[in-house]
Amino acid sequence: MGLLYNIFIYFYYFSIKAASFFNTKARKWVEGRKQLFERMFFNSNEDDKLIWFHYSSLGEFEQGRPVMESLKRDNPGHKLLVTFFSPSGFEVSKNYAYADYMFYLPLDTSGNAKKFLDIWNPDIAVFVKYEFWYNYINELNRRNIPLILISATFRKNHYFFRFYGSWFRKQLGKITYILVQNRESLKLLSKAGIRNVSLAGDTRFDRVYDISVKPQRFEDIESFVQASIIFIAGSTWLRDEQMLTGLINKNFKGIKYIIAPHVIDKKKIDGFTKKIKGKTVKLSDTDKSGFPEAQVLIIDRIGILSHVYQYASVAYIGGGFGKGIHNVLEAAVFGMPVIFGPNYKKFNEASELVKYGGAFPAANSNELSIITYKLLSDYRILKQTSACSKEYVHAKKGATEKTVSVINAMISPQKHLKVDNDSFIMN
């Protein structure tokens, strides 16, 4: 199985390289890795004490931020090395103040893993959620460098638990410690014989709470909002936008719309806005004089959506007609009901919000309109559902403290960690 995995890695690389000729994201992926080891070597310092955090993309980075920042405060003698797999994470986060070093992760080959660790030699490595790069895992294990997987989540249909998954389960055993989000993940790993695991929760709850306490303000957006009721749609795809067009064109009195597409593409945005009957403006428009009269504002800027939710009363979260919905917590923490498409059940926080009464699935434009009208025409219902969302997020805080306790115990030799199946005990 290891041979097949390595063949797949090379196949993936050549596929990305071929795609780079016509795909901007793939091109950034390839260009970001040119002369990568040379740049790492000339920027590294062999005397550094390092904590290495690796992320797939921007969502995982936001998940890990509260952990990194707490560790930085607790361990002022250590520096942070941050790596990304995806350009969407690297490009937005490359000026992150807490990171001492930030690079793309070299392709997961045995040779690259050895070169990377020869250069950096971190004291500890932290991977977030779904990041399983098995050559890096193997090399970290071989060198006795602790690897912690945080905010991890597993489902019954994961390849780890299939009939062919024994090799992959063996690799999980090489991870020093796994901190999972929920009890289902804990039970699945325990049943598979993996004991280096315990329940910590999801650090995203802490991150979105931190944002809600002191969100960034935007004068341009506020000039659009005025005193209107705001319906916001975040991380939308084509199918989401088709539904939203029907809602917007019903022209409910007193409601304005903020739309943040998942992919910022001028041609696609222009195609979407042409179908809207009312006046539409984009955040990037240089002339802001028409913002107060516009019905729809398009957020054509990456990295600010989690703060923009503060202006809304109801949120729609995109992705529910594809592989799955995007982050519902960024909206819910501001105390508003959230709506999304039907493909949400594999996302624990979305399913729980539906049960709590703070979220509503919509399968088509008609259902979206009915739900929206119900929420915005009855203040009592809006207040009740908003409270459900906010209380749900607040009740789930605390994963960062548990996660940082475990990592600190491994960084500091004077601390020892004892683990049972459900909690942490620090001695």
Protein backbone atom coordinates (compact mmCIF):
# COMPACT_ATOMS: atom_id res chain seq x y z
CA MET A 1 0.00 0.00 0.00
CA GLY A 2 2.91 2.37 0.70
CA LEU A 3 4.14 1.93 -2.87
CA LEU A 4 0.67 2.71 -4.24
CA TYR A 5 0.49 5.80 -2.04
CA ASN A 6 3.81 7.10 -3.39
CA ILE A 7 2.72 6.41 -6.97
CA PHE A 8 -0.45 8.39 -6.28
CA ILE A 9 1.58 11.31 -4.91
CA TYR A 10 3.64 11.55 -8.10
CA PHE A 11 0.53 11.16 -10.24
CA TYR A 12 -1.10 13.99 -8.28
CA TYR A 13 1.94 16.20 -8.81
CA PHE A 14 1.99 15.73 -12.57
CA SER A 15 -1.78 16.32 -12.70
CA ILE A 16 -1.40 19.63 -10.87
CA LYS A 17 1.51 20.61 -13.11
CA ALA A 18 -0.57 19.90 -16.23
CA ALA A 19 -3.50 21.85 -14.79
CA SER A 20 -1.23 24.82 -14.05
CA PHE A 21 -1.20 25.78 -17.73
CA PHE A 22 -4.87 26.81 -17.57
CA ASN A 23 -5.81 26.96 -13.87
CA THR A 24 -4.66 29.90 -11.72
CA LYS A 25 -4.82 28.04 -8.41
CA ALA A 26 -2.81 25.10 -9.78
CA ARG A 27 -0.26 27.53 -11.23
CA LYS A 28 0.23 29.17 -7.83
CA TRP A 29 0.59 25.71 -6.27
CA VAL A 30 3.43 24.89 -8.67
CA GLU A 31 5.13 28.29 -8.64
CA GLY A 32 5.03 28.45 -4.84
CA ARG A 33 7.17 25.31 -4.68
CA LYS A 34 9.90 26.44 -7.09
CA GLN A 35 13.32 26.56 -5.40
CA LEU A 36 11.45 25.89 -2.17
CA PHE A 37 14.22 24.05 -0.34
CA GLU A 38 16.76 26.73 -1.29
CA ARG A 39 14.51 29.44 0.16
CA MET A 40 13.92 27.38 3.29
CA PHE A 41 17.62 26.73 3.78
CA PHE A 42 18.62 30.40 3.49
CA ASN A 43 15.85 31.53 5.85
CA SER A 44 16.27 28.88 8.53
CA ASN A 45 18.38 29.03 11.67
CA GLU A 46 19.64 25.76 13.15
CA ASP A 47 19.60 27.28 16.65
CA ASP A 48 15.85 27.95 16.57
CA LYS A 49 13.46 26.09 18.81
CA LEU A 50 10.53 25.46 16.48
CA ILE A 51 6.88 24.54 16.69
CA TRP A 52 5.71 23.47 13.22
CA PHE A 53 2.05 23.91 12.25
CA HIS A 54 0.80 22.53 8.95
CA TYR A 55 -2.52 23.41 7.31
CA SER A 56 -4.34 22.34 4.21
CA SER A 57 -5.98 25.68 3.49
CA LEU A 58 -7.48 28.83 4.98
CA GLY A 59 -10.28 27.13 6.92
CA GLU A 60 -7.86 24.89 8.80
CA PHE A 61 -5.56 27.86 9.41
CA GLU A 62 -8.40 29.76 11.09
CA GLN A 63 -9.06 26.62 13.13
CA GLY A 64 -5.47 26.53 14.35
CA ARG A 65 -4.96 30.24 15.00
CA PRO A 66 -6.09 30.32 18.63
CA VAL A 67 -3.82 27.36 19.38
CA MET A 68 -0.79 28.96 17.72
CA GLU A 69 -1.32 32.27 19.44
CA SER A 70 -1.72 30.67 22.86
CA LEU A 71 1.41 28.56 22.34
CA LYS A 72 3.36 31.61 21.21
CA ARG A 73 2.45 33.38 24.44
CA ASP A 74 3.22 30.33 26.57
CA ASN A 75 6.53 29.55 24.84
CA PRO A 76 8.26 32.85 24.00
CA GLY A 77 11.53 31.02 23.35
CA HIS A 78 10.03 29.05 20.46
CA LYS A 79 9.40 30.21 16.91
CA LEU A 80 6.48 29.24 14.70
CA LEU A 81 6.98 27.54 11.36
CA VAL A 82 3.75 27.49 9.32
CA THR A 83 3.25 25.52 6.11
CA PHE A 84 0.32 25.26 3.70
CA PHE A 85 -0.71 22.76 1.08
CA SER A 86 -3.10 25.08 -0.78
CA PRO A 87 -2.51 28.53 -2.32
CA SER A 88 -5.86 29.74 -0.96
CA GLY A 89 -4.49 29.42 2.56
CA PHE A 90 -0.97 30.66 1.88
CA GLU A 91 -1.89 33.73 -0.17
CA VAL A 92 -4.35 35.10 2.39
CA SER A 93 -2.24 34.29 5.45
CA LYS A 94 1.31 35.01 4.28
CA ASN A 95 1.55 38.20 6.36
CA TYR A 96 0.32 36.55 9.57
CA ALA A 97 2.17 38.32 12.37
CA TYR A 98 2.62 35.32 14.69
CA ALA A 99 4.42 33.17 12.10
CA ASP A 100 8.21 33.46 12.09
CA TYR A 101 8.47 31.33 8.94
CA MET A 102 5.80 30.53 6.36
CA PHE A 103 6.14 28.29 3.29
CA TYR A 104 4.30 25.87 1.08
CA LEU A 105 4.70 22.24 2.13
CA PRO A 106 6.97 20.33 -0.27
CA LEU A 107 5.31 17.39 -2.02
CA ASP A 108 4.90 14.40 0.30
CA THR A 109 7.70 12.16 -0.89
CA SER A 110 10.16 10.31 1.34
CA GLY A 111 13.08 12.39 0.04
CA ASN A 112 11.25 15.69 0.53
CA ALA A 113 10.22 14.78 4.08
CA LYS A 114 13.86 14.05 4.97
CA LYS A 115 15.13 17.29 3.39
CA PHE A 116 12.42 19.34 5.08
CA LEU A 117 13.16 17.94 8.54
CA ASP A 118 16.92 18.21 8.00
CA ILE A 119 16.45 21.94 7.46
CA TRP A 120 13.94 22.70 10.20
CA ASN A 121 14.21 19.94 12.83
CA PRO A 122 11.16 21.17 14.83
CA ASP A 123 10.70 20.32 18.49
CA ILE A 124 7.11 19.35 17.77
CA ALA A 125 4.76 19.21 14.76
CA VAL A 126 1.04 19.99 14.73
CA PHE A 127 -1.23 18.96 11.84
CA VAL A 128 -4.84 20.16 11.71
CA LYS A 129 -8.03 18.18 11.06
CA TYR A 130 -7.63 16.15 7.84
CA GLU A 131 -3.91 16.46 7.08
CA PHE A 132 -2.48 12.98 6.60
CA TRP A 133 0.83 13.13 4.70
CA TYR A 134 2.23 9.72 5.34
CA ASN A 135 5.87 10.23 4.34
CA TYR A 136 6.07 13.20 6.71
CA ILE A 137 4.31 11.20 9.42
CA ASN A 138 6.75 8.32 8.96
CA GLU A 139 9.84 10.53 9.01
CA LEU A 140 8.67 12.45 12.10
CA ASN A 141 8.08 9.13 13.81
CA ARG A 142 11.49 7.80 12.77
CA ARG A 143 13.21 10.89 14.24
CA ASN A 144 11.13 10.78 17.45
CA ILE A 145 9.70 14.23 16.79
CA PRO A 146 6.25 14.40 18.44
CA LEU A 147 3.36 14.90 16.00
CA ILE A 148 -0.03 16.08 17.27
CA LEU A 149 -3.17 15.98 15.13
CA ILE A 150 -5.69 18.51 16.46
CA SER A 151 -9.40 19.13 15.87
CA ALA A 152 -9.52 15.84 14.00
CA THR A 153 -12.76 14.20 12.96
CA PHE A 154 -13.42 10.71 11.63
CA ARG A 155 -16.50 9.06 10.13
CA LYS A 156 -17.44 5.42 9.62
CA ASN A 157 -17.00 5.66 5.85
CA HIS A 158 -13.42 6.98 6.05
CA TYR A 159 -10.89 4.80 4.25
CA PHE A 160 -9.20 4.15 7.61
CA PHE A 161 -12.09 1.91 8.59
CA ARG A 162 -12.64 0.10 5.28
CA PHE A 163 -11.48 -3.46 4.54
CA TYR A 164 -8.38 -2.08 2.78
CA GLY A 165 -7.55 0.42 5.54
CA SER A 166 -5.08 -1.54 7.68
CA TRP A 167 -2.02 0.24 6.25
CA PHE A 168 -3.61 3.65 6.85
CA ARG A 169 -4.61 2.72 10.41
CA LYS A 170 -1.02 1.69 11.05
CA GLN A 171 0.12 5.16 9.96
CA LEU A 172 -2.31 6.74 12.42
CA GLY A 173 -0.54 4.78 15.13
CA LYS A 174 2.65 6.68 14.28
CA ILE A 175 1.04 9.98 15.26
CA THR A 176 2.08 10.79 18.82
CA TYR A 177 -1.30 12.09 19.87
CA ILE A 178 -4.68 12.71 18.23
CA LEU A 179 -7.17 15.20 19.65
CA VAL A 180 -10.64 14.66 18.21
CA GLN A 181 -13.69 16.88 17.96
CA ASN A 182 -16.43 14.45 18.97
CA ARG A 183 -17.25 11.17 20.69
CA GLU A 184 -18.00 9.39 17.43
CA SER A 185 -14.39 9.91 16.31
CA LEU A 186 -13.13 8.76 19.71
CA LYS A 187 -15.16 5.54 19.52
CA LEU A 188 -14.15 4.78 15.93
CA LEU A 189 -10.44 5.10 16.69
CA SER A 190 -10.73 3.14 19.90
CA LYS A 191 -12.55 0.32 18.12
CA ALA A 192 -9.78 0.29 15.50
CA GLY A 193 -7.18 -0.20 18.24
CA ILE A 194 -5.79 3.34 18.19
CA ARG A 195 -5.22 4.43 21.79
CA ASN A 196 -3.17 7.62 21.40
CA VAL A 197 -6.35 9.72 21.26
CA SER A 198 -8.72 11.74 23.42
CA LEU A 199 -11.59 14.19 23.13
CA ALA A 200 -10.78 17.91 23.02
CA GLY A 201 -13.47 19.53 20.87
CA ASP A 202 -13.23 21.86 17.90
CA THR A 203 -10.99 24.93 18.15
CA ARG A 204 -13.07 26.69 15.49
CA PHE A 205 -15.58 27.58 18.21
CA ASP A 206 -12.89 29.52 20.06
CA ARG A 207 -11.68 31.20 16.89
CA VAL A 208 -15.10 32.45 15.77
CA TYR A 209 -15.86 33.61 19.30
CA ASP A 210 -12.64 35.65 19.35
CA ILE A 211 -13.65 37.30 16.07
CA SER A 212 -17.16 38.09 17.34
CA VAL A 213 -15.80 39.85 20.42
CA LYS A 214 -13.88 42.39 18.33
CA PRO A 215 -14.74 42.16 14.62
CA GLN A 216 -13.07 44.34 12.02
CA ARG A 217 -15.24 47.23 10.85
CA PHE A 218 -15.72 48.25 7.20
CA GLU A 219 -16.88 51.77 6.36
CA ASP A 220 -17.77 50.88 2.76
CA ILE A 221 -19.97 48.00 3.88
CA GLU A 222 -21.59 50.15 6.55
CA SER A 223 -22.47 52.76 3.93
CA PHE A 224 -24.31 50.01 2.05
CA VAL A 225 -26.01 48.56 5.13
CA GLN A 226 -27.42 51.81 6.54
CA ALA A 227 -30.49 50.88 8.64
CA SER A 228 -31.56 47.96 6.44
CA ILE A 229 -32.18 44.34 7.36
CA ILE A 230 -29.28 42.34 5.92
CA PHE A 231 -29.41 38.84 4.47
CA ILE A 232 -25.88 37.55 3.90
CA ALA A 233 -24.79 34.59 1.77
CA GLY A 234 -21.25 33.35 2.38
CA SER A 235 -19.01 31.04 0.33
CA THR A 236 -21.56 30.59 -2.45
CA TRP A 237 -21.26 28.39 -5.53
CA LEU A 238 -23.26 28.45 -8.78
CA ARG A 239 -26.16 26.35 -7.49
CA ASP A 240 -26.41 28.51 -4.37
CA GLU A 241 -26.42 31.66 -6.48
CA GLN A 242 -29.20 30.30 -8.69
CA MET A 243 -31.34 29.91 -5.57
CA LEU A 244 -30.36 33.32 -4.25
CA THR A 245 -31.29 35.01 -7.52
CA GLY A 246 -34.89 33.87 -7.08
CA LEU A 247 -34.94 35.13 -3.49
CA ILE A 248 -33.42 38.51 -4.30
CA ASN A 249 -35.72 39.14 -7.26
CA LYS A 250 -38.79 38.69 -5.03
CA ASN A 251 -37.71 42.08 -3.69
CA PHE A 252 -38.85 41.71 -0.09
CA LYS A 253 -39.29 45.23 1.24
CA GLY A 254 -36.51 46.61 3.45
CA ILE A 255 -34.06 43.75 2.87
CA LYS A 256 -30.59 44.12 1.39
CA TYR A 257 -28.24 41.31 0.42
CA ILE A 258 -24.52 40.76 0.87
CA ILE A 259 -23.11 37.95 -1.28
CA ALA A 260 -19.58 36.55 -0.80
CA PRO A 261 -18.75 34.01 -3.56
CA HIS A 262 -16.42 31.17 -2.64
CA VAL A 263 -14.36 31.80 -5.77
CA ILE A 264 -13.59 35.38 -6.75
CA ASP A 265 -13.93 35.26 -10.54
CA LYS A 266 -14.98 38.42 -12.39
CA LYS A 267 -16.66 36.58 -15.26
CA LYS A 268 -18.74 34.40 -12.91
CA ILE A 269 -19.65 37.33 -10.68
CA ASP A 270 -20.76 39.39 -13.68
CA GLY A 271 -22.87 36.47 -14.91
CA PHE A 272 -24.56 36.25 -11.51
CA THR A 273 -25.24 39.97 -11.13
CA LYS A 274 -26.79 40.25 -14.61
CA LYS A 275 -29.62 38.00 -13.43
CA ILE A 276 -30.44 40.29 -10.49
CA LYS A 277 -33.11 42.90 -11.18
CA GLY A 278 -32.05 45.37 -8.50
CA LYS A 279 -28.93 47.51 -8.34
CA THR A 280 -25.75 45.59 -7.55
CA VAL A 281 -22.37 46.93 -6.41
CA LYS A 282 -19.04 45.26 -5.69
CA LEU A 283 -16.83 46.01 -2.71
CA SER A 284 -13.96 46.65 -5.14
CA ASP A 285 -15.89 49.40 -6.96
CA THR A 286 -13.92 52.62 -6.73
CA ASP A 287 -17.03 54.82 -6.77
CA LYS A 288 -18.80 54.22 -3.46
CA SER A 289 -21.49 56.87 -3.99
CA GLY A 290 -24.03 54.30 -5.16
CA PHE A 291 -23.62 51.97 -2.18
CA PRO A 292 -26.50 53.38 -0.04
CA GLU A 293 -29.07 52.88 -2.84
CA ALA A 294 -27.89 49.42 -3.95
CA GLN A 295 -29.88 46.26 -3.17
CA VAL A 296 -26.98 43.80 -3.40
CA LEU A 297 -23.32 44.07 -2.38
CA ILE A 298 -20.83 41.53 -3.74
CA ILE A 299 -17.81 40.87 -1.51
CA ASP A 300 -15.10 40.31 -4.13
CA ARG A 301 -12.29 40.16 -1.60
CA ILE A 302 -10.88 37.13 0.19
CA GLY A 303 -10.27 36.82 3.92
CA ILE A 304 -12.88 39.14 5.47
CA LEU A 305 -16.11 37.12 5.39
CA SER A 306 -15.89 35.98 9.02
CA HIS A 307 -16.00 39.65 10.05
CA VAL A 308 -18.70 40.71 7.57
CA TYR A 309 -21.27 38.41 9.18
CA GLN A 310 -21.61 40.97 11.98
CA TYR A 311 -23.85 43.11 9.76
CA ALA A 312 -26.53 40.50 9.04
CA SER A 313 -29.75 39.19 10.59
CA VAL A 314 -29.94 35.94 8.59
CA ALA A 315 -27.16 33.99 6.87
CA TYR A 316 -27.07 31.51 4.03
CA ILE A 317 -23.98 29.26 3.88
CA GLY A 318 -22.92 27.92 0.49
CA GLY A 319 -21.69 24.52 -0.56
CA GLY A 320 -24.75 22.50 0.42
CA PHE A 321 -25.39 21.35 -3.14
CA GLY A 322 -21.85 20.03 -3.61
CA LYS A 323 -19.51 18.11 -1.35
CA GLY A 324 -20.78 19.92 1.71
CA ILE A 325 -21.44 23.25 3.36
CA HIS A 326 -18.80 25.72 4.42
CA ASN A 327 -18.27 27.15 7.90
CA VAL A 328 -21.62 27.82 9.62
CA LEU A 329 -20.01 28.86 12.91
CA GLU A 330 -18.66 32.15 11.55
CA ALA A 331 -22.25 33.31 11.10
CA ALA A 332 -23.88 31.57 14.06
CA VAL A 333 -21.54 33.18 16.60
CA PHE A 334 -23.00 36.59 15.77
CA GLY A 335 -26.41 35.33 16.83
CA MET A 336 -28.33 34.67 13.64
CA PRO A 337 -30.16 31.73 12.09
CA VAL A 338 -28.34 30.03 9.24
CA ILE A 339 -29.72 28.41 6.10
CA PHE A 340 -27.93 25.96 3.80
CA GLY A 341 -28.45 23.35 1.12
CA PRO A 342 -29.35 19.69 1.71
CA ASN A 343 -25.81 18.21 1.86
CA TYR A 344 -25.05 19.06 5.47
CA LYS A 345 -25.50 15.87 7.51
CA LYS A 346 -21.84 14.85 7.56
CA PHE A 347 -21.02 18.17 9.23
CA ASN A 348 -21.61 17.76 12.94
CA GLU A 349 -22.03 21.44 13.81
CA ALA A 350 -24.62 21.96 11.04
CA SER A 351 -26.63 18.90 12.10
CA GLU A 352 -26.53 19.99 15.74
CA LEU A 353 -27.62 23.53 14.85
CA VAL A 354 -30.63 22.13 13.00
CA LYS A 355 -31.57 20.13 16.12
CA TYR A 356 -31.00 23.20 18.33
CA GLY A 357 -33.36 25.25 16.14
CA GLY A 358 -30.73 27.67 14.87
CA ALA A 359 -30.33 26.31 11.32
CA PHE A 360 -32.61 25.37 8.43
CA PRO A 361 -31.91 23.29 5.32
CA ALA A 362 -33.43 24.47 2.01
CA ALA A 363 -33.56 22.23 -1.05
CA ASN A 364 -34.71 24.83 -3.59
CA SER A 365 -35.42 28.50 -4.17
CA ASN A 366 -39.02 28.23 -2.99
CA GLU A 367 -38.00 26.69 0.34
CA LEU A 368 -35.32 29.35 0.76
CA SER A 369 -37.89 32.11 0.23
CA ILE A 370 -40.36 30.56 2.67
CA ILE A 371 -37.74 30.17 5.41
CA THR A 372 -36.37 33.67 4.89
CA TYR A 373 -39.81 35.28 4.96
CA LYS A 374 -40.75 33.37 8.11
CA LEU A 375 -37.60 34.47 9.92
CA LEU A 376 -37.67 38.12 8.86
CA SER A 377 -41.42 38.73 9.16
CA ASP A 378 -41.72 37.62 12.79
CA TYR A 379 -39.30 39.22 15.25
CA ARG A 380 -40.17 36.67 17.94
CA ILE A 381 -39.08 33.77 15.73
CA LEU A 382 -35.96 35.61 14.59
CA LYS A 383 -34.96 36.41 18.17
CA GLN A 384 -35.53 32.82 19.30
CA THR A 385 -33.55 31.21 16.45
CA SER A 386 -30.78 33.77 16.79
CA ALA A 387 -30.40 32.96 20.47
CA CYS A 388 -30.21 29.23 19.65
CA SER A 389 -27.29 29.83 17.27
CA LYS A 390 -25.35 32.06 19.65
CA GLU A 391 -25.87 29.83 22.68
CA TYR A 392 -24.79 26.76 20.71
CA VAL A 393 -21.43 28.30 19.79
CA HIS A 394 -20.80 29.67 23.26
CA ALA A 395 -21.52 26.27 24.84
CA LYS A 396 -18.88 24.59 22.65
CA LYS A 397 -15.95 26.84 23.52
CA GLY A 398 -12.89 25.52 25.33
CA ALA A 399 -11.14 23.21 22.87
CA THR A 400 -8.17 25.57 22.55
CA GLU A 401 -7.35 25.40 26.26
CA LYS A 402 -7.42 21.58 26.23
CA THR A 403 -5.36 21.39 23.04
CA VAL A 404 -2.73 23.85 24.24
CA SER A 405 -2.41 21.95 27.54
CA VAL A 406 -1.50 18.77 25.68
CA ILE A 407 1.02 20.47 23.39
CA ASN A 408 2.62 22.40 26.25
CA ALA A 409 3.02 19.16 28.18
CA MET A 410 5.03 17.74 25.29
CA ILE A 411 7.11 20.87 24.81
CA SER A 412 7.90 21.24 28.53
CA PRO A 413 9.63 18.16 29.96
CA GLN A 414 8.63 18.98 33.54
CA LYS A 415 4.97 18.37 32.73
CA HIS A 416 3.44 14.94 32.22
CA LEU A 417 0.24 13.98 30.50
CA LYS A 418 -2.09 11.22 31.63
CA VAL A 419 -5.00 10.40 29.38
CA ASP A 420 -8.19 8.47 29.85
CA ASN A 421 -10.76 7.89 27.14
CA ASP A 422 -12.50 11.19 27.63
CA SER A 423 -10.40 13.85 29.31
CA PHE A 424 -7.03 15.33 30.13
CA ILE A 425 -5.34 15.28 33.50
CA MET A 426 -2.25 17.44 33.87
CA ASN A 427 0.23 16.60 36.65
